PDB file of N, CA and C in Angstrom:
ATOM      1  N   UNK A   1      12.904  12.286  19.419  1.00  0.00           N
ATOM      2  CA  UNK A   1      13.482  12.764  18.181  1.00  0.00           C
ATOM      3  C   UNK A   1      12.829  12.070  17.005  1.00  0.00           C
ATOM      4  N   UNK A   2      11.565  12.189  16.869  1.00  0.00           N
ATOM      5  CA  UNK A   2      10.827  11.529  15.802  1.00  0.00           C
ATOM      6  C   UNK A   2      10.600  12.485  14.650  1.00  0.00           C
ATOM      7  N   UNK A   3      10.813  11.988  13.418  1.00  0.00           N
ATOM      8  CA  UNK A   3      10.583  12.810  12.236  1.00  0.00           C
ATOM      9  C   UNK A   3       9.670  12.069  11.275  1.00  0.00           C
ATOM     10  N   UNK A   4       8.606  11.505  11.787  1.00  0.00           N
ATOM     11  CA  UNK A   4       7.669  10.757  10.968  1.00  0.00           C
ATOM     12  C   UNK A   4       7.094  11.642   9.872  1.00  0.00           C
ATOM     13  N   UNK A   5       6.996  11.100   8.670  1.00  0.00           N
ATOM     14  CA  UNK A   5       6.434  11.818   7.542  1.00  0.00           C
ATOM     15  C   UNK A   5       4.994  11.370   7.353  1.00  0.00           C
ATOM     16  N   UNK A   6       4.065  12.298   7.439  1.00  0.00           N
ATOM     17  CA  UNK A   6       2.678  11.961   7.168  1.00  0.00           C
ATOM     18  C   UNK A   6       2.122  12.971   6.190  1.00  0.00           C
ATOM     19  N   UNK A   7       1.534  12.477   5.098  1.00  0.00           N
ATOM     20  CA  UNK A   7       1.021  13.364   4.069  1.00  0.00           C
ATOM     21  C   UNK A   7      -0.490  13.304   3.953  1.00  0.00           C
ATOM     22  N   UNK A   8      -1.109  12.253   4.427  1.00  0.00           N
ATOM     23  CA  UNK A   8      -2.558  12.151   4.380  1.00  0.00           C
ATOM     24  C   UNK A   8      -3.015  11.152   5.426  1.00  0.00           C
ATOM     25  N   UNK A   9      -4.327  11.059   5.587  1.00  0.00           N
ATOM     26  CA  UNK A   9      -4.846  10.131   6.587  1.00  0.00           C
ATOM     27  C   UNK A   9      -4.828   8.693   6.085  1.00  0.00           C
ATOM     28  N   UNK A  10      -4.735   8.493   4.782  1.00  0.00           N
ATOM     29  CA  UNK A  10      -4.689   7.148   4.216  1.00  0.00           C
ATOM     30  C   UNK A  10      -3.247   6.636   4.264  1.00  0.00           C
ATOM     31  N   UNK A  11      -3.048   5.373   4.626  1.00  0.00           N
ATOM     32  CA  UNK A  11      -1.681   4.848   4.696  1.00  0.00           C
ATOM     33  C   UNK A  11      -0.996   4.892   3.330  1.00  0.00           C
ATOM     34  N   UNK A  12       0.300   5.094   3.356  1.00  0.00           N
ATOM     35  CA  UNK A  12       1.081   5.222   2.129  1.00  0.00           C
ATOM     36  C   UNK A  12       2.250   4.239   2.160  1.00  0.00           C
ATOM     37  N   UNK A  13       2.423   3.494   1.069  1.00  0.00           N
ATOM     38  CA  UNK A  13       3.548   2.569   0.997  1.00  0.00           C
ATOM     39  C   UNK A  13       4.871   3.325   0.994  1.00  0.00           C
ATOM     40  N   UNK A  14       4.930   4.425   0.265  1.00  0.00           N
ATOM     41  CA  UNK A  14       6.170   5.208   0.198  1.00  0.00           C
ATOM     42  C   UNK A  14       6.511   5.795   1.565  1.00  0.00           C
ATOM     43  N   UNK A  15       5.519   6.337   2.237  1.00  0.00           N
ATOM     44  CA  UNK A  15       5.742   6.913   3.559  1.00  0.00           C
ATOM     45  C   UNK A  15       6.156   5.821   4.549  1.00  0.00           C
ATOM     46  N   UNK A  16       5.534   4.665   4.447  1.00  0.00           N
ATOM     47  CA  UNK A  16       5.890   3.546   5.315  1.00  0.00           C
ATOM     48  C   UNK A  16       7.325   3.100   5.097  1.00  0.00           C
ATOM     49  N   UNK A  17       7.728   3.013   3.841  1.00  0.00           N
ATOM     50  CA  UNK A  17       9.108   2.620   3.538  1.00  0.00           C
ATOM     51  C   UNK A  17      10.087   3.663   4.058  1.00  0.00           C
ATOM     52  N   UNK A  18       9.749   4.930   3.875  1.00  0.00           N
ATOM     53  CA  UNK A  18      10.614   6.009   4.357  1.00  0.00           C
ATOM     54  C   UNK A  18      10.823   5.887   5.866  1.00  0.00           C
ATOM     55  N   UNK A  19       9.714   5.756   6.611  1.00  0.00           N
ATOM     56  CA  UNK A  19       9.824   5.671   8.070  1.00  0.00           C
ATOM     57  C   UNK A  19      10.539   4.406   8.519  1.00  0.00           C
ATOM     58  N   UNK A  20      10.336   3.319   7.821  1.00  0.00           N
ATOM     59  CA  UNK A  20      11.036   2.081   8.146  1.00  0.00           C
ATOM     60  C   UNK A  20      12.546   2.261   7.974  1.00  0.00           C
ATOM     61  N   UNK A  21      12.941   2.859   6.843  1.00  0.00           N
ATOM     62  CA  UNK A  21      14.355   3.085   6.566  1.00  0.00           C
ATOM     63  C   UNK A  21      14.966   4.077   7.568  1.00  0.00           C
ATOM     64  N   UNK A  22      14.258   5.171   7.827  1.00  0.00           N
ATOM     65  CA  UNK A  22      14.773   6.166   8.774  1.00  0.00           C
ATOM     66  C   UNK A  22      14.890   5.562  10.177  1.00  0.00           C
ATOM     67  N   UNK A  23      13.917   4.746  10.546  1.00  0.00           N
ATOM     68  CA  UNK A  23      13.970   4.099  11.853  1.00  0.00           C
ATOM     69  C   UNK A  23      15.158   3.166  11.974  1.00  0.00           C
ATOM     70  N   UNK A  24      15.402   2.400  10.928  1.00  0.00           N
ATOM     71  CA  UNK A  24      16.554   1.494  10.927  1.00  0.00           C
ATOM     72  C   UNK A  24      17.859   2.280  11.032  1.00  0.00           C
ATOM     73  N   UNK A  25      17.933   3.401  10.321  1.00  0.00           N
ATOM     74  CA  UNK A  25      19.127   4.248  10.367  1.00  0.00           C
ATOM     75  C   UNK A  25      19.334   4.816  11.771  1.00  0.00           C
ATOM     76  N   UNK A  26      18.279   5.334  12.369  1.00  0.00           N
ATOM     77  CA  UNK A  26      18.382   5.878  13.728  1.00  0.00           C
ATOM     78  C   UNK A  26      18.802   4.797  14.719  1.00  0.00           C
ATOM     79  N   UNK A  27      18.201   3.619  14.559  1.00  0.00           N
ATOM     80  CA  UNK A  27      18.543   2.521  15.464  1.00  0.00           C
ATOM     81  C   UNK A  27      20.025   2.160  15.330  1.00  0.00           C
ATOM     82  N   UNK A  28      20.527   2.116  14.102  1.00  0.00           N
ATOM     83  CA  UNK A  28      21.936   1.816  13.861  1.00  0.00           C
ATOM     84  C   UNK A  28      22.832   2.871  14.515  1.00  0.00           C
ATOM     85  N   UNK A  29      22.508   4.143  14.296  1.00  0.00           N
ATOM     86  CA  UNK A  29      23.298   5.230  14.890  1.00  0.00           C
ATOM     87  C   UNK A  29      23.268   5.130  16.417  1.00  0.00           C
ATOM     88  N   UNK A  30      22.096   4.841  16.959  1.00  0.00           N
ATOM     89  CA  UNK A  30      21.974   4.690  18.403  1.00  0.00           C
ATOM     90  C   UNK A  30      22.817   3.545  18.933  1.00  0.00           C
ATOM     91  N   UNK A  31      22.819   2.437  18.209  1.00  0.00           N
ATOM     92  CA  UNK A  31      23.619   1.283  18.630  1.00  0.00           C
ATOM     93  C   UNK A  31      25.119   1.591  18.564  1.00  0.00           C
ATOM     94  N   UNK A  32      25.533   2.281  17.507  1.00  0.00           N
ATOM     95  CA  UNK A  32      26.954   2.592  17.317  1.00  0.00           C
ATOM     96  C   UNK A  32      27.440   3.601  18.358  1.00  0.00           C
ATOM     97  N   UNK A  33      26.596   4.595  18.638  1.00  0.00           N
ATOM     98  CA  UNK A  33      27.024   5.667  19.556  1.00  0.00           C
ATOM     99  C   UNK A  33      26.667   5.393  21.005  1.00  0.00           C
ATOM    100  N   UNK A  34      25.837   4.388  21.237  1.00  0.00           N
ATOM    101  CA  UNK A  34      25.396   4.098  22.591  1.00  0.00           C
ATOM    102  C   UNK A  34      24.272   5.010  23.069  1.00  0.00           C
ATOM    103  N   UNK A  35      23.651   5.732  22.138  1.00  0.00           N
ATOM    104  CA  UNK A  35      22.546   6.633  22.480  1.00  0.00           C
ATOM    105  C   UNK A  35      21.249   5.834  22.505  1.00  0.00           C
ATOM    106  N   UNK A  36      20.861   5.403  23.712  1.00  0.00           N
ATOM    107  CA  UNK A  36      19.678   4.558  23.848  1.00  0.00           C
ATOM    108  C   UNK A  36      18.407   5.223  23.329  1.00  0.00           C
ATOM    109  N   UNK A  37      18.302   6.544  23.458  1.00  0.00           N
ATOM    110  CA  UNK A  37      17.101   7.234  22.983  1.00  0.00           C
ATOM    111  C   UNK A  37      16.981   7.117  21.459  1.00  0.00           C
ATOM    112  N   UNK A  38      18.112   7.195  20.745  1.00  0.00           N
ATOM    113  CA  UNK A  38      18.084   7.032  19.296  1.00  0.00           C
ATOM    114  C   UNK A  38      17.718   5.593  18.921  1.00  0.00           C
ATOM    115  N   UNK A  39      18.286   4.646  19.660  1.00  0.00           N
ATOM    116  CA  UNK A  39      17.993   3.240  19.386  1.00  0.00           C
ATOM    117  C   UNK A  39      16.501   2.968  19.560  1.00  0.00           C
ATOM    118  N   UNK A  40      15.939   3.438  20.658  1.00  0.00           N
ATOM    119  CA  UNK A  40      14.525   3.205  20.931  1.00  0.00           C
ATOM    120  C   UNK A  40      13.631   3.932  19.927  1.00  0.00           C
ATOM    121  N   UNK A  41      13.955   5.188  19.648  1.00  0.00           N
ATOM    122  CA  UNK A  41      13.165   5.957  18.687  1.00  0.00           C
ATOM    123  C   UNK A  41      13.232   5.309  17.310  1.00  0.00           C
ATOM    124  N   UNK A  42      14.402   4.817  16.948  1.00  0.00           N
ATOM    125  CA  UNK A  42      14.569   4.146  15.657  1.00  0.00           C
ATOM    126  C   UNK A  42      13.726   2.889  15.563  1.00  0.00           C
ATOM    127  N   UNK A  43      13.720   2.098  16.633  1.00  0.00           N
ATOM    128  CA  UNK A  43      12.898   0.880  16.641  1.00  0.00           C
ATOM    129  C   UNK A  43      11.419   1.224  16.471  1.00  0.00           C
ATOM    130  N   UNK A  44      10.979   2.267  17.191  1.00  0.00           N
ATOM    131  CA  UNK A  44       9.572   2.666  17.118  1.00  0.00           C
ATOM    132  C   UNK A  44       9.211   3.189  15.728  1.00  0.00           C
ATOM    133  N   UNK A  45      10.076   4.018  15.150  1.00  0.00           N
ATOM    134  CA  UNK A  45       9.794   4.565  13.825  1.00  0.00           C
ATOM    135  C   UNK A  45       9.806   3.458  12.774  1.00  0.00           C
ATOM    136  N   UNK A  46      10.740   2.517  12.904  1.00  0.00           N
ATOM    137  CA  UNK A  46      10.789   1.384  11.975  1.00  0.00           C
ATOM    138  C   UNK A  46       9.496   0.577  12.045  1.00  0.00           C
ATOM    139  N   UNK A  47       9.056   0.263  13.248  1.00  0.00           N
ATOM    140  CA  UNK A  47       7.828  -0.526  13.423  1.00  0.00           C
ATOM    141  C   UNK A  47       6.616   0.225  12.870  1.00  0.00           C
ATOM    142  N   UNK A  48       6.572   1.528  13.113  1.00  0.00           N
ATOM    143  CA  UNK A  48       5.475   2.344  12.597  1.00  0.00           C
ATOM    144  C   UNK A  48       5.482   2.351  11.069  1.00  0.00           C
ATOM    145  N   UNK A  49       6.657   2.459  10.489  1.00  0.00           N
ATOM    146  CA  UNK A  49       6.781   2.448   9.032  1.00  0.00           C
ATOM    147  C   UNK A  49       6.342   1.119   8.436  1.00  0.00           C
ATOM    148  N   UNK A  50       6.753   0.027   9.057  1.00  0.00           N
ATOM    149  CA  UNK A  50       6.342  -1.299   8.581  1.00  0.00           C
ATOM    150  C   UNK A  50       4.822  -1.465   8.668  1.00  0.00           C
ATOM    151  N   UNK A  51       4.236  -1.005   9.769  1.00  0.00           N
ATOM    152  CA  UNK A  51       2.783  -1.107   9.941  1.00  0.00           C
ATOM    153  C   UNK A  51       2.054  -0.277   8.891  1.00  0.00           C
ATOM    154  N   UNK A  52       2.550   0.924   8.617  1.00  0.00           N
ATOM    155  CA  UNK A  52       1.899   1.764   7.602  1.00  0.00           C
ATOM    156  C   UNK A  52       2.025   1.136   6.222  1.00  0.00           C
ATOM    157  N   UNK A  53       3.188   0.604   5.904  1.00  0.00           N
ATOM    158  CA  UNK A  53       3.383  -0.051   4.601  1.00  0.00           C
ATOM    159  C   UNK A  53       2.400  -1.208   4.446  1.00  0.00           C
ATOM    160  N   UNK A  54       2.296  -2.037   5.475  1.00  0.00           N
ATOM    161  CA  UNK A  54       1.392  -3.188   5.408  1.00  0.00           C
ATOM    162  C   UNK A  54      -0.072  -2.758   5.296  1.00  0.00           C
ATOM    163  N   UNK A  55      -0.438  -1.690   5.994  1.00  0.00           N
ATOM    164  CA  UNK A  55      -1.813  -1.185   5.912  1.00  0.00           C
ATOM    165  C   UNK A  55      -2.103  -0.647   4.513  1.00  0.00           C
ATOM    166  N   UNK A  56      -1.150   0.070   3.931  1.00  0.00           N
ATOM    167  CA  UNK A  56      -1.328   0.599   2.576  1.00  0.00           C
ATOM    168  C   UNK A  56      -1.431  -0.535   1.565  1.00  0.00           C
ATOM    169  N   UNK A  57      -0.626  -1.552   1.759  1.00  0.00           N
ATOM    170  CA  UNK A  57      -0.656  -2.705   0.867  1.00  0.00           C
ATOM    171  C   UNK A  57      -2.022  -3.390   0.931  1.00  0.00           C
ATOM    172  N   UNK A  58      -2.555  -3.556   2.119  1.00  0.00           N
ATOM    173  CA  UNK A  58      -3.868  -4.181   2.280  1.00  0.00           C
ATOM    174  C   UNK A  58      -4.964  -3.326   1.655  1.00  0.00           C
ATOM    175  N   UNK A  59      -4.860  -2.010   1.815  1.00  0.00           N
ATOM    176  CA  UNK A  59      -5.842  -1.098   1.228  1.00  0.00           C
ATOM    177  C   UNK A  59      -5.816  -1.196  -0.296  1.00  0.00           C
ATOM    178  N   UNK A  60      -4.630  -1.191  -0.872  1.00  0.00           N
ATOM    179  CA  UNK A  60      -4.504  -1.276  -2.326  1.00  0.00           C
ATOM    180  C   UNK A  60      -4.987  -2.636  -2.846  1.00  0.00           C
ATOM    181  N   UNK A  61      -4.743  -3.697  -2.103  1.00  0.00           N
ATOM    182  CA  UNK A  61      -5.232  -5.018  -2.500  1.00  0.00           C
ATOM    183  C   UNK A  61      -6.760  -5.028  -2.517  1.00  0.00           C
ATOM    184  N   UNK A  62      -7.365  -4.424  -1.498  1.00  0.00           N
ATOM    185  CA  UNK A  62      -8.827  -4.357  -1.422  1.00  0.00           C
ATOM    186  C   UNK A  62      -9.389  -3.538  -2.575  1.00  0.00           C
ATOM    187  N   UNK A  63      -8.720  -2.438  -2.921  1.00  0.00           N
ATOM    188  CA  UNK A  63      -9.170  -1.635  -4.066  1.00  0.00           C
ATOM    189  C   UNK A  63      -9.090  -2.440  -5.354  1.00  0.00           C
ATOM    190  N   UNK A  64      -8.057  -3.247  -5.479  1.00  0.00           N
ATOM    191  CA  UNK A  64      -7.925  -4.112  -6.648  1.00  0.00           C
ATOM    192  C   UNK A  64      -9.052  -5.125  -6.722  1.00  0.00           C
ATOM    193  N   UNK A  65      -9.423  -5.669  -5.574  1.00  0.00           N
ATOM    194  CA  UNK A  65     -10.531  -6.622  -5.520  1.00  0.00           C
ATOM    195  C   UNK A  65     -11.826  -5.956  -5.960  1.00  0.00           C
ATOM    196  N   UNK A  66     -12.053  -4.743  -5.470  1.00  0.00           N
ATOM    197  CA  UNK A  66     -13.259  -3.980  -5.823  1.00  0.00           C
ATOM    198  C   UNK A  66     -13.293  -3.702  -7.328  1.00  0.00           C
ATOM    199  N   UNK A  67     -12.174  -3.246  -7.890  1.00  0.00           N
ATOM    200  CA  UNK A  67     -12.128  -2.958  -9.325  1.00  0.00           C
ATOM    201  C   UNK A  67     -12.295  -4.221 -10.159  1.00  0.00           C
ATOM    202  N   UNK A  68     -11.697  -5.282  -9.695  1.00  0.00           N
ATOM    203  CA  UNK A  68     -11.800  -6.544 -10.431  1.00  0.00           C
ATOM    204  C   UNK A  68     -13.250  -7.024 -10.494  1.00  0.00           C
ATOM    205  N   UNK A  69     -13.940  -6.990  -9.365  1.00  0.00           N
ATOM    206  CA  UNK A  69     -15.334  -7.436  -9.317  1.00  0.00           C
ATOM    207  C   UNK A  69     -16.236  -6.482 -10.104  1.00  0.00           C
ATOM    208  N   UNK A  70     -16.045  -5.179  -9.897  1.00  0.00           N
ATOM    209  CA  UNK A  70     -16.863  -4.204 -10.616  1.00  0.00           C
ATOM    210  C   UNK A  70     -16.648  -4.273 -12.111  1.00  0.00           C
ATOM    211  N   UNK A  71     -15.404  -4.483 -12.508  1.00  0.00           N
ATOM    212  CA  UNK A  71     -15.104  -4.611 -13.931  1.00  0.00           C
ATOM    213  C   UNK A  71     -15.752  -5.834 -14.542  1.00  0.00           C
ATOM    214  N   UNK A  72     -15.754  -6.925 -13.807  1.00  0.00           N
ATOM    215  CA  UNK A  72     -16.387  -8.160 -14.307  1.00  0.00           C
ATOM    216  C   UNK A  72     -17.883  -7.943 -14.501  1.00  0.00           C
ATOM    217  N   UNK A  73     -18.502  -7.280 -13.532  1.00  0.00           N
ATOM    218  CA  UNK A  73     -19.944  -6.996 -13.636  1.00  0.00           C
ATOM    219  C   UNK A  73     -20.224  -6.119 -14.855  1.00  0.00           C
ATOM    220  N   UNK A  74     -19.439  -5.046 -15.017  1.00  0.00           N
ATOM    221  CA  UNK A  74     -19.629  -4.160 -16.173  1.00  0.00           C
ATOM    222  C   UNK A  74     -19.434  -4.910 -17.480  1.00  0.00           C
ATOM    223  N   UNK A  75     -18.451  -5.777 -17.525  1.00  0.00           N
ATOM    224  CA  UNK A  75     -18.177  -6.553 -18.734  1.00  0.00           C
ATOM    225  C   UNK A  75     -19.343  -7.470 -19.078  1.00  0.00           C
ATOM    226  N   UNK A  76     -19.870  -8.148 -18.088  1.00  0.00           N
ATOM    227  CA  UNK A  76     -20.992  -9.069 -18.323  1.00  0.00           C
ATOM    228  C   UNK A  76     -22.233  -8.296 -18.760  1.00  0.00           C
ATOM    229  N   UNK A  77     -22.525  -7.185 -18.072  1.00  0.00           N
ATOM    230  CA  UNK A  77     -23.689  -6.369 -18.444  1.00  0.00           C
ATOM    231  C   UNK A  77     -23.525  -5.858 -19.870  1.00  0.00           C
ATOM    232  N   UNK A  78     -22.330  -5.406 -20.200  1.00  0.00           N
ATOM    233  CA  UNK A  78     -22.074  -4.937 -21.562  1.00  0.00           C
ATOM    234  C   UNK A  78     -22.264  -6.034 -22.590  1.00  0.00           C
ATOM    235  N   UNK A  79     -21.806  -7.241 -22.274  1.00  0.00           N
ATOM    236  CA  UNK A  79     -21.964  -8.370 -23.198  1.00  0.00           C
ATOM    237  C   UNK A  79     -23.429  -8.732 -23.375  1.00  0.00           C
ATOM    238  N   UNK A  80     -24.184  -8.743 -22.282  1.00  0.00           N
ATOM    239  CA  UNK A  80     -25.601  -9.116 -22.336  1.00  0.00           C
ATOM    240  C   UNK A  80     -26.418  -8.071 -23.100  1.00  0.00           C
ATOM    241  N   UNK A  81     -26.100  -6.798 -22.883  1.00  0.00           N
ATOM    242  CA  UNK A  81     -26.869  -5.723 -23.523  1.00  0.00           C
ATOM    243  C   UNK A  81     -26.332  -5.352 -24.899  1.00  0.00           C
ATOM    244  N   UNK A  82     -25.196  -5.922 -25.279  1.00  0.00           N
ATOM    245  CA  UNK A  82     -24.608  -5.608 -26.572  1.00  0.00           C
ATOM    246  C   UNK A  82     -23.829  -4.296 -26.582  1.00  0.00           C
ATOM    247  N   UNK A  83     -23.550  -3.752 -25.409  1.00  0.00           N
ATOM    248  CA  UNK A  83     -22.798  -2.499 -25.292  1.00  0.00           C
ATOM    249  C   UNK A  83     -21.307  -2.827 -25.263  1.00  0.00           C
ATOM    250  N   UNK A  84     -20.683  -2.788 -26.429  1.00  0.00           N
ATOM    251  CA  UNK A  84     -19.268  -3.163 -26.555  1.00  0.00           C
ATOM    252  C   UNK A  84     -18.360  -2.214 -25.762  1.00  0.00           C
ATOM    253  N   UNK A  85     -18.732  -0.938 -25.693  1.00  0.00           N
ATOM    254  CA  UNK A  85     -17.927   0.033 -24.940  1.00  0.00           C
ATOM    255  C   UNK A  85     -17.915  -0.325 -23.455  1.00  0.00           C
ATOM    256  N   UNK A  86     -19.090  -0.654 -22.905  1.00  0.00           N
ATOM    257  CA  UNK A  86     -19.174  -1.031 -21.493  1.00  0.00           C
ATOM    258  C   UNK A  86     -18.422  -2.330 -21.243  1.00  0.00           C
ATOM    259  N   UNK A  87     -18.551  -3.255 -22.171  1.00  0.00           N
ATOM    260  CA  UNK A  87     -17.860  -4.537 -22.031  1.00  0.00           C
ATOM    261  C   UNK A  87     -16.340  -4.329 -22.030  1.00  0.00           C
ATOM    262  N   UNK A  88     -15.848  -3.499 -22.949  1.00  0.00           N
ATOM    263  CA  UNK A  88     -14.417  -3.235 -23.029  1.00  0.00           C
ATOM    264  C   UNK A  88     -13.933  -2.481 -21.781  1.00  0.00           C
ATOM    265  N   UNK A  89     -14.695  -1.508 -21.367  1.00  0.00           N
ATOM    266  CA  UNK A  89     -14.346  -0.746 -20.170  1.00  0.00           C
ATOM    267  C   UNK A  89     -14.314  -1.657 -18.938  1.00  0.00           C
ATOM    268  N   UNK A  90     -15.287  -2.542 -18.845  1.00  0.00           N
ATOM    269  CA  UNK A  90     -15.323  -3.495 -17.736  1.00  0.00           C
ATOM    270  C   UNK A  90     -14.125  -4.419 -17.742  1.00  0.00           C
ATOM    271  N   UNK A  91     -13.747  -4.887 -18.921  1.00  0.00           N
ATOM    272  CA  UNK A  91     -12.579  -5.766 -19.027  1.00  0.00           C
ATOM    273  C   UNK A  91     -11.303  -5.037 -18.591  1.00  0.00           C
ATOM    274  N   UNK A  92     -11.193  -3.768 -18.994  1.00  0.00           N
ATOM    275  CA  UNK A  92     -10.010  -2.986 -18.609  1.00  0.00           C
ATOM    276  C   UNK A  92      -9.977  -2.762 -17.102  1.00  0.00           C
ATOM    277  N   UNK A  93     -11.122  -2.467 -16.501  1.00  0.00           N
ATOM    278  CA  UNK A  93     -11.184  -2.256 -15.054  1.00  0.00           C
ATOM    279  C   UNK A  93     -10.836  -3.555 -14.319  1.00  0.00           C
ATOM    280  N   UNK A  94     -11.363  -4.667 -14.820  1.00  0.00           N
ATOM    281  CA  UNK A  94     -11.075  -5.972 -14.230  1.00  0.00           C
ATOM    282  C   UNK A  94      -9.569  -6.246 -14.260  1.00  0.00           C
ATOM    283  N   UNK A  95      -8.948  -6.013 -15.427  1.00  0.00           N
ATOM    284  CA  UNK A  95      -7.519  -6.266 -15.569  1.00  0.00           C
ATOM    285  C   UNK A  95      -6.690  -5.351 -14.675  1.00  0.00           C
ATOM    286  N   UNK A  96      -7.096  -4.083 -14.572  1.00  0.00           N
ATOM    287  CA  UNK A  96      -6.409  -3.139 -13.686  1.00  0.00           C
ATOM    288  C   UNK A  96      -6.481  -3.638 -12.243  1.00  0.00           C
ATOM    289  N   UNK A  97      -7.653  -4.090 -11.823  1.00  0.00           N
ATOM    290  CA  UNK A  97      -7.816  -4.610 -10.470  1.00  0.00           C
ATOM    291  C   UNK A  97      -6.970  -5.838 -10.216  1.00  0.00           C
ATOM    292  N   UNK A  98      -6.874  -6.693 -11.227  1.00  0.00           N
ATOM    293  CA  UNK A  98      -6.068  -7.904 -11.081  1.00  0.00           C
ATOM    294  C   UNK A  98      -4.594  -7.558 -10.895  1.00  0.00           C
ATOM    295  N   UNK A  99      -4.096  -6.610 -11.679  1.00  0.00           N
ATOM    296  CA  UNK A  99      -2.699  -6.177 -11.542  1.00  0.00           C
ATOM    297  C   UNK A  99      -2.479  -5.559 -10.165  1.00  0.00           C
ATOM    298  N   UNK A 100      -3.435  -4.736  -9.729  1.00  0.00           N
ATOM    299  CA  UNK A 100      -3.309  -4.084  -8.417  1.00  0.00           C
ATOM    300  C   UNK A 100      -3.265  -5.133  -7.313  1.00  0.00           C
ATOM    301  N   UNK A 101      -4.050  -6.184  -7.438  1.00  0.00           N
ATOM    302  CA  UNK A 101      -4.018  -7.259  -6.448  1.00  0.00           C
ATOM    303  C   UNK A 101      -2.666  -7.967  -6.464  1.00  0.00           C
ATOM    304  N   UNK A 102      -2.154  -8.273  -7.647  1.00  0.00           N
ATOM    305  CA  UNK A 102      -0.891  -8.994  -7.744  1.00  0.00           C
ATOM    306  C   UNK A 102       0.257  -8.187  -7.158  1.00  0.00           C
ATOM    307  N   UNK A 103       0.285  -6.884  -7.414  1.00  0.00           N
ATOM    308  CA  UNK A 103       1.343  -6.022  -6.913  1.00  0.00           C
ATOM    309  C   UNK A 103       1.285  -5.892  -5.385  1.00  0.00           C
ATOM    310  N   UNK A 104       0.093  -5.980  -4.830  1.00  0.00           N
ATOM    311  CA  UNK A 104      -0.090  -5.765  -3.391  1.00  0.00           C
ATOM    312  C   UNK A 104      -0.447  -7.032  -2.640  1.00  0.00           C
ATOM    313  N   UNK A 105      -0.170  -8.182  -3.231  1.00  0.00           N
ATOM    314  CA  UNK A 105      -0.489  -9.464  -2.586  1.00  0.00           C
ATOM    315  C   UNK A 105       0.271  -9.580  -1.265  1.00  0.00           C
ATOM    316  N   UNK A 106      -0.447  -9.892  -0.183  1.00  0.00           N
ATOM    317  CA  UNK A 106       0.222 -10.085   1.102  1.00  0.00           C
ATOM    318  C   UNK A 106       1.236 -11.231   1.034  1.00  0.00           C
ATOM    319  N   UNK A 107       2.329 -11.047   1.742  1.00  0.00           N
ATOM    320  CA  UNK A 107       3.385 -12.067   1.686  1.00  0.00           C
ATOM    321  C   UNK A 107       3.299 -13.027   2.818  1.00  0.00           C
TER     322      UNK A 107
END
């Protein structure tokens, strides 16, 4: 009785949270009613949801690292060449990457 939600091949934090919550709910219902199949399915869905959430978090952290490094490079190149637009754009990309890393920092 699995109702896993999958919307794309890339892991999703929202989808992971949904499956984790649904799994916990199924497990609770299974425990209360004595339906072992619900309990087991709930445990599996919860674990799958947690794994997807963690994978999505790691992916987003890596994207933040990439943006942060790329932004720094663009900023430096812009400063060296006198291209203020490139420098500003690089700084914004760097800052965006830093925020993305902070939001997705592994616990």
